[in-house]
Amino acid sequence: MKKHILVLSLAVAAAGFSSCAKQPSAPQAAATADAPIEAQPLTAATPEVPAPPPVREHAFKPVGAKRPAPAAAPTPMASTPAPSAAPKPVPVPVPVMNPPSAEPPQQVAQTRPVAPAPPPPPPPEPMKVTLKEGSVIAIRLGETLDSERNKIGDSFSASLAEPIVIDGFVIAERGARVSGKVVDLDRAGRVKGVAVLQLALTEVTTADNQRVPIVTDAFLTKGPDTTKSDAAKVGIAAGVGAAIGAIAGRGKGAAIGAGAGGAAGTGVVLATRGKPAVLPAETLVRFKVAQAVTITEKL
């Protein structure tokens, strides 16, 4: 009986030793399955802060300052081949482990509060300048004006021949548009009197594209004086008549012919007007400001 018990005990011990030898990785697998899962921190999205708007500059620039040139069109770049995408890693199958009985709490990353963007700087105060009385404005006519063709009230266009500078700032650039009108004219009379043409400026375009009304003294121009030429016409006609009379009736005929020729020459002068007053295009004319005007910069 004891012998049977001893054999049975040895068999049980051998079976237990065999099961332990066949499962050497059981403790490691258990430890892996029971290991806690690390929580991934959650990052909060940082709000985008808008960039402050650019500060506007003054339209009236100091004398000598260069205005920014218009932006050039971008030069087309030669197409370059796109870089080849890196090969994606092949996922390695991971054995599914039994989840732990209790899920660990997720950790949330602490984010710092974002400071508000500073307020944009206030726009600059608009400049105010005064075009004083007596200031001189030089222009070049954009068209021809004629006392025979134009009439009072006709408008004309011109451009600044020189920039308008006030307190060291260019208020209107050279070449800026200027407008004016014919304020008075008089056609040349017969026998005596000359043609007269008077102009004045009414508006100037500033550097910030304002059309500012202005008042100037009238610029007066006159046509050529034809008194001497009229007398010469009468004298020539009288001489021609005297020569004809002398041929026809000698001395007495010469006196009669001179009188007749002089009368004919006077008739020609009375029937003909003098030459008009003309200002061709591109004529340089200077006007004097009659009333001061305050100009406020437009931002």
Protein backbone atom coordinates (compact mmCIF):
# COMPACT_ATOMS: atom_id res chain seq x y z
CA MET A 1 0.00 0.00 0.00
CA LYS A 2 2.77 2.42 0.86
CA LYS A 3 4.44 1.53 -2.38
CA HIS A 4 1.34 2.56 -4.37
CA ILE A 5 1.09 5.85 -2.50
CA LEU A 6 4.74 6.67 -3.23
CA VAL A 7 4.33 6.00 -6.96
CA LEU A 8 1.20 8.19 -7.08
CA SER A 9 3.02 11.07 -5.36
CA LEU A 10 5.91 10.90 -7.76
CA ALA A 11 3.48 10.96 -10.72
CA VAL A 12 1.72 14.06 -9.40
CA ALA A 13 5.02 15.84 -8.81
CA ALA A 14 6.22 14.99 -12.30
CA ALA A 15 3.01 16.32 -13.85
CA GLY A 16 3.32 19.62 -11.95
CA PHE A 17 6.93 20.07 -13.00
CA SER A 18 6.00 19.38 -16.64
CA SER A 19 3.24 22.05 -16.64
CA CYS A 20 5.59 24.66 -15.17
CA ALA A 21 8.21 23.90 -17.81
CA LYS A 22 5.74 24.29 -20.66
CA GLN A 23 4.52 27.82 -19.58
CA PRO A 24 7.63 29.89 -18.82
CA SER A 25 6.18 33.15 -20.27
CA ALA A 26 2.92 33.15 -18.35
CA PRO A 27 4.11 35.55 -15.63
CA GLN A 28 5.49 37.98 -18.30
CA ALA A 29 2.23 37.88 -20.31
CA ALA A 30 0.22 38.51 -17.19
CA ALA A 31 2.38 41.42 -16.26
CA THR A 32 1.97 42.89 -19.75
CA ALA A 33 -1.77 42.45 -19.70
CA ASP A 34 -2.08 44.05 -16.27
CA ALA A 35 0.22 46.98 -17.14
CA PRO A 36 -1.63 50.35 -17.03
CA ILE A 37 -2.31 52.11 -20.32
CA GLU A 38 -0.60 55.47 -20.52
CA ALA A 39 -3.05 58.33 -21.25
CA GLN A 40 -2.28 60.68 -24.12
CA PRO A 41 -2.40 64.35 -23.09
CA LEU A 42 -5.04 66.46 -24.79
CA THR A 43 -3.74 69.81 -26.11
CA ALA A 44 -6.13 72.74 -26.43
CA ALA A 45 -6.11 74.65 -29.72
CA THR A 46 -4.59 78.10 -29.38
CA PRO A 47 -6.92 80.77 -30.81
CA GLU A 48 -5.50 82.76 -33.70
CA VAL A 49 -4.83 86.39 -32.89
CA PRO A 50 -5.54 88.70 -35.86
CA ALA A 51 -2.66 90.91 -36.92
CA PRO A 52 -3.23 94.63 -36.33
CA PRO A 53 -4.04 96.66 -39.46
CA PRO A 54 -1.17 98.69 -40.93
CA VAL A 55 -0.93 102.32 -39.95
CA ARG A 56 -1.99 104.65 -42.76
CA GLU A 57 0.53 107.20 -43.92
CA HIS A 58 0.02 110.83 -44.78
CA ALA A 59 -0.85 111.64 -48.39
CA PHE A 60 1.03 114.95 -48.22
CA LYS A 61 4.73 114.04 -48.44
CA PRO A 62 7.70 116.26 -47.52
CA VAL A 63 9.59 117.87 -50.34
CA GLY A 64 12.04 115.35 -51.83
CA ALA A 65 10.25 112.29 -50.45
CA LYS A 66 9.77 109.49 -52.97
CA ARG A 67 6.36 107.96 -53.34
CA PRO A 68 6.18 104.15 -53.33
CA ALA A 69 6.29 102.61 -56.79
CA PRO A 70 3.43 100.33 -57.81
CA ALA A 71 4.00 96.69 -56.92
CA ALA A 72 5.44 94.66 -59.78
CA ALA A 73 3.69 91.54 -60.98
CA PRO A 74 5.21 88.33 -59.53
CA THR A 75 7.64 86.56 -61.86
CA PRO A 76 6.42 83.07 -62.75
CA MET A 77 8.70 80.44 -61.25
CA ALA A 78 9.76 77.36 -63.16
CA SER A 79 7.79 74.34 -62.07
CA THR A 80 9.80 71.96 -59.91
CA PRO A 81 8.90 68.32 -59.45
CA ALA A 82 7.16 67.64 -56.17
CA PRO A 83 9.26 65.65 -53.71
CA SER A 84 8.36 62.00 -53.60
CA ALA A 85 6.35 61.04 -50.58
CA ALA A 86 8.16 58.98 -47.96
CA PRO A 87 7.02 55.33 -47.81
CA LYS A 88 4.43 54.75 -45.16
CA PRO A 89 5.51 52.38 -42.37
CA VAL A 90 3.88 48.99 -42.44
CA PRO A 91 1.88 48.46 -39.24
CA VAL A 92 3.07 45.59 -37.09
CA PRO A 93 0.27 43.47 -35.67
CA VAL A 94 0.11 43.74 -31.90
CA PRO A 95 -1.51 40.97 -29.92
CA VAL A 96 -4.72 42.10 -28.26
CA MET A 97 -4.46 41.96 -24.54
CA ASN A 98 -7.31 41.83 -22.14
CA PRO A 99 -8.07 45.42 -20.95
CA PRO A 100 -7.52 46.10 -17.30
CA SER A 101 -10.48 45.95 -15.07
CA ALA A 102 -10.36 49.68 -14.19
CA GLU A 103 -9.59 52.44 -16.75
CA PRO A 104 -7.08 54.99 -15.49
CA PRO A 105 -8.28 58.64 -15.53
CA GLN A 106 -7.28 60.64 -18.59
CA GLN A 107 -4.88 63.50 -18.05
CA VAL A 108 -5.68 66.88 -19.62
CA ALA A 109 -2.77 69.13 -20.45
CA GLN A 110 -2.85 72.48 -18.74
CA THR A 111 -2.87 75.36 -21.28
CA ARG A 112 -1.71 78.85 -20.54
CA PRO A 113 -4.24 81.64 -21.02
CA VAL A 114 -3.65 83.59 -24.26
CA ALA A 115 -3.21 87.32 -23.73
CA PRO A 116 -5.50 89.48 -25.90
CA ALA A 117 -3.91 91.25 -28.86
CA PRO A 118 -3.02 94.88 -28.22
CA PRO A 119 -5.37 97.38 -29.85
CA PRO A 120 -4.20 98.83 -33.17
CA PRO A 121 -2.58 102.25 -33.01
CA PRO A 122 -4.95 105.13 -33.78
CA PRO A 123 -4.77 106.59 -37.30
CA PRO A 124 -2.75 109.78 -37.68
CA GLU A 125 -4.55 113.07 -37.43
CA PRO A 126 -5.24 114.57 -40.88
CA MET A 127 -3.02 117.48 -41.78
CA LYS A 128 -4.47 120.94 -42.34
CA VAL A 129 -2.65 123.45 -44.52
CA THR A 130 -3.58 126.87 -45.85
CA LEU A 131 -2.94 128.07 -49.37
CA LYS A 132 -2.31 131.72 -48.58
CA GLU A 133 -3.49 134.73 -50.50
CA GLY A 134 -0.84 135.91 -52.94
CA SER A 135 0.57 132.42 -53.57
CA VAL A 136 1.54 131.83 -57.21
CA ILE A 137 0.30 128.78 -59.15
CA ALA A 138 2.07 127.99 -62.44
CA ILE A 139 0.15 125.96 -65.02
CA ARG A 140 0.42 124.87 -68.64
CA LEU A 141 -2.67 125.11 -70.81
CA GLY A 142 -4.07 121.87 -72.13
CA GLU A 143 -5.84 123.51 -75.08
CA THR A 144 -5.72 126.62 -77.27
CA LEU A 145 -7.84 129.63 -76.22
CA ASP A 146 -8.90 132.27 -78.75
CA SER A 147 -10.86 135.49 -78.25
CA GLU A 148 -12.62 134.90 -81.60
CA ARG A 149 -13.69 131.32 -80.88
CA ASN A 150 -14.25 131.20 -77.12
CA LYS A 151 -16.89 133.00 -75.10
CA ILE A 152 -17.22 134.17 -71.50
CA GLY A 153 -17.81 131.25 -69.12
CA ASP A 154 -16.02 128.62 -71.21
CA SER A 155 -14.01 126.18 -69.08
CA PHE A 156 -10.53 124.95 -69.92
CA SER A 157 -8.18 122.27 -68.61
CA ALA A 158 -4.54 122.62 -67.63
CA SER A 159 -1.84 120.92 -65.55
CA LEU A 160 0.50 122.13 -62.84
CA ALA A 161 3.86 123.24 -64.24
CA GLU A 162 5.30 123.34 -60.69
CA PRO A 163 4.21 121.50 -57.52
CA ILE A 164 2.29 123.37 -54.85
CA VAL A 165 4.38 123.28 -51.65
CA ILE A 166 3.04 124.48 -48.27
CA ASP A 167 5.12 124.35 -45.07
CA GLY A 168 7.58 121.95 -46.69
CA PHE A 169 4.91 119.45 -47.82
CA VAL A 170 3.87 118.77 -51.43
CA ILE A 171 0.14 119.44 -51.50
CA ALA A 172 -0.27 119.03 -55.27
CA GLU A 173 2.29 117.37 -57.51
CA ARG A 174 3.61 118.59 -60.82
CA GLY A 175 1.31 117.48 -63.62
CA ALA A 176 -1.81 117.47 -61.40
CA ARG A 177 -5.05 118.43 -63.13
CA VAL A 178 -6.18 122.06 -62.93
CA SER A 179 -9.41 123.64 -64.20
CA GLY A 180 -10.25 127.22 -65.09
CA LYS A 181 -12.65 129.40 -67.07
CA VAL A 182 -12.78 132.41 -69.37
CA VAL A 183 -13.93 135.33 -67.20
CA ASP A 184 -13.85 138.07 -69.86
CA LEU A 185 -12.96 138.69 -73.50
CA ASP A 186 -13.28 141.44 -76.10
CA ARG A 187 -12.86 141.03 -79.78
CA ALA A 188 -10.64 143.44 -81.62
CA GLY A 189 -12.51 146.54 -82.86
CA ARG A 190 -12.43 148.16 -86.30
CA VAL A 191 -9.82 150.91 -86.85
CA LYS A 192 -8.88 151.03 -83.16
CA GLY A 193 -9.00 148.69 -80.15
CA VAL A 194 -7.28 145.37 -79.53
CA ALA A 195 -8.61 141.95 -78.57
CA VAL A 196 -8.60 141.03 -74.87
CA LEU A 197 -8.78 137.57 -73.19
CA GLN A 198 -8.95 137.03 -69.41
CA LEU A 199 -8.65 133.67 -67.57
CA ALA A 200 -8.90 132.49 -63.96
CA LEU A 201 -8.36 129.17 -62.15
CA THR A 202 -11.29 127.50 -60.42
CA GLU A 203 -10.06 124.10 -59.16
CA VAL A 204 -6.88 122.14 -58.43
CA THR A 205 -6.41 118.42 -57.71
CA THR A 206 -4.30 117.70 -54.60
CA ALA A 207 -1.97 114.77 -53.86
CA ASP A 208 -4.78 112.88 -52.08
CA ASN A 209 -7.10 113.26 -55.11
CA GLN A 210 -9.20 116.06 -53.68
CA ARG A 211 -10.63 118.62 -56.11
CA VAL A 212 -10.23 121.83 -54.15
CA PRO A 213 -12.00 125.00 -55.37
CA ILE A 214 -9.74 128.06 -55.54
CA VAL A 215 -10.10 131.73 -56.47
CA THR A 216 -7.35 133.53 -58.38
CA ASP A 217 -6.82 136.91 -59.99
CA ALA A 218 -7.57 137.06 -63.71
CA PHE A 219 -4.73 136.61 -66.16
CA LEU A 220 -5.11 139.10 -69.04
CA THR A 221 -3.64 138.82 -72.49
CA LYS A 222 -4.16 141.13 -75.47
CA GLY A 223 -4.07 140.68 -79.18
CA PRO A 224 -1.58 142.56 -81.39
CA ASP A 225 -2.18 146.30 -81.97
CA THR A 226 -3.04 146.89 -85.66
CA THR A 227 -3.09 150.73 -85.62
CA LYS A 228 0.12 151.06 -87.60
CA SER A 229 -0.85 148.41 -90.10
CA ASP A 230 -4.27 150.07 -90.57
CA ALA A 231 -2.60 153.43 -91.30
CA ALA A 232 -0.28 151.72 -93.73
CA LYS A 233 -3.26 150.19 -95.52
CA VAL A 234 -4.87 153.64 -95.90
CA GLY A 235 -1.58 155.18 -97.12
CA ILE A 236 -0.97 152.46 -99.68
CA ALA A 237 -4.49 152.80 -101.03
CA ALA A 238 -4.12 156.60 -101.26
CA GLY A 239 -0.79 156.30 -103.14
CA VAL A 240 -2.24 153.88 -105.62
CA GLY A 241 -5.18 156.23 -106.24
CA ALA A 242 -2.91 159.24 -106.74
CA ALA A 243 -0.83 157.40 -109.31
CA ILE A 244 -3.91 156.41 -111.23
CA GLY A 245 -5.26 160.01 -111.11
CA ALA A 246 -1.96 161.47 -112.31
CA ILE A 247 -1.97 159.23 -115.30
CA ALA A 248 -5.57 160.10 -116.08
CA GLY A 249 -5.58 163.89 -115.52
CA ARG A 250 -2.13 164.98 -114.46
CA GLY A 251 -1.98 167.31 -111.39
CA LYS A 252 -5.66 167.76 -110.74
CA GLY A 253 -6.31 164.13 -111.45
CA ALA A 254 -3.60 163.10 -108.98
CA ALA A 255 -5.35 164.94 -106.11
CA ILE A 256 -8.66 163.39 -106.99
CA GLY A 257 -7.09 159.96 -107.27
CA ALA A 258 -5.37 160.28 -103.90
CA GLY A 259 -8.63 161.14 -102.21
CA ALA A 260 -10.43 158.28 -103.86
CA GLY A 261 -7.64 155.84 -102.97
CA GLY A 262 -7.58 156.98 -99.35
CA ALA A 263 -11.33 156.52 -99.07
CA ALA A 264 -11.04 153.03 -100.49
CA GLY A 265 -8.25 152.14 -98.05
CA THR A 266 -10.29 153.43 -95.10
CA GLY A 267 -13.21 151.33 -96.21
CA VAL A 268 -11.01 148.22 -96.19
CA VAL A 269 -9.80 148.98 -92.66
CA LEU A 270 -13.34 149.60 -91.38
CA ALA A 271 -14.48 146.31 -92.81
CA THR A 272 -11.67 144.29 -91.23
CA ARG A 273 -11.32 143.46 -87.50
CA GLY A 274 -7.99 143.39 -85.69
CA LYS A 275 -6.16 140.17 -84.82
CA PRO A 276 -7.57 138.08 -81.95
CA ALA A 277 -5.90 137.34 -78.62
CA VAL A 278 -4.64 133.74 -78.72
CA LEU A 279 -3.03 131.49 -76.08
CA PRO A 280 -1.77 128.26 -77.67
CA ALA A 281 -1.76 124.93 -75.85
CA GLU A 282 1.24 124.31 -73.53
CA THR A 283 1.52 128.06 -72.83
CA LEU A 284 2.98 128.71 -69.36
CA VAL A 285 0.64 130.94 -67.33
CA ARG A 286 1.04 132.06 -63.71
CA PHE A 287 -1.95 132.91 -61.51
CA LYS A 288 -2.01 134.65 -58.13
CA VAL A 289 -4.32 133.28 -55.41
CA ALA A 290 -6.95 135.92 -54.51
CA GLN A 291 -8.49 134.20 -51.44
CA ALA A 292 -6.82 131.93 -48.89
CA VAL A 293 -8.15 128.36 -48.75
CA THR A 294 -7.65 125.72 -46.03
CA ILE A 295 -7.07 122.16 -47.24
CA THR A 296 -7.69 119.17 -44.92
CA GLU A 297 -5.87 115.97 -45.81
CA LYS A 298 -8.07 113.01 -46.72
CA LEU A 299 -6.86 109.80 -45.03
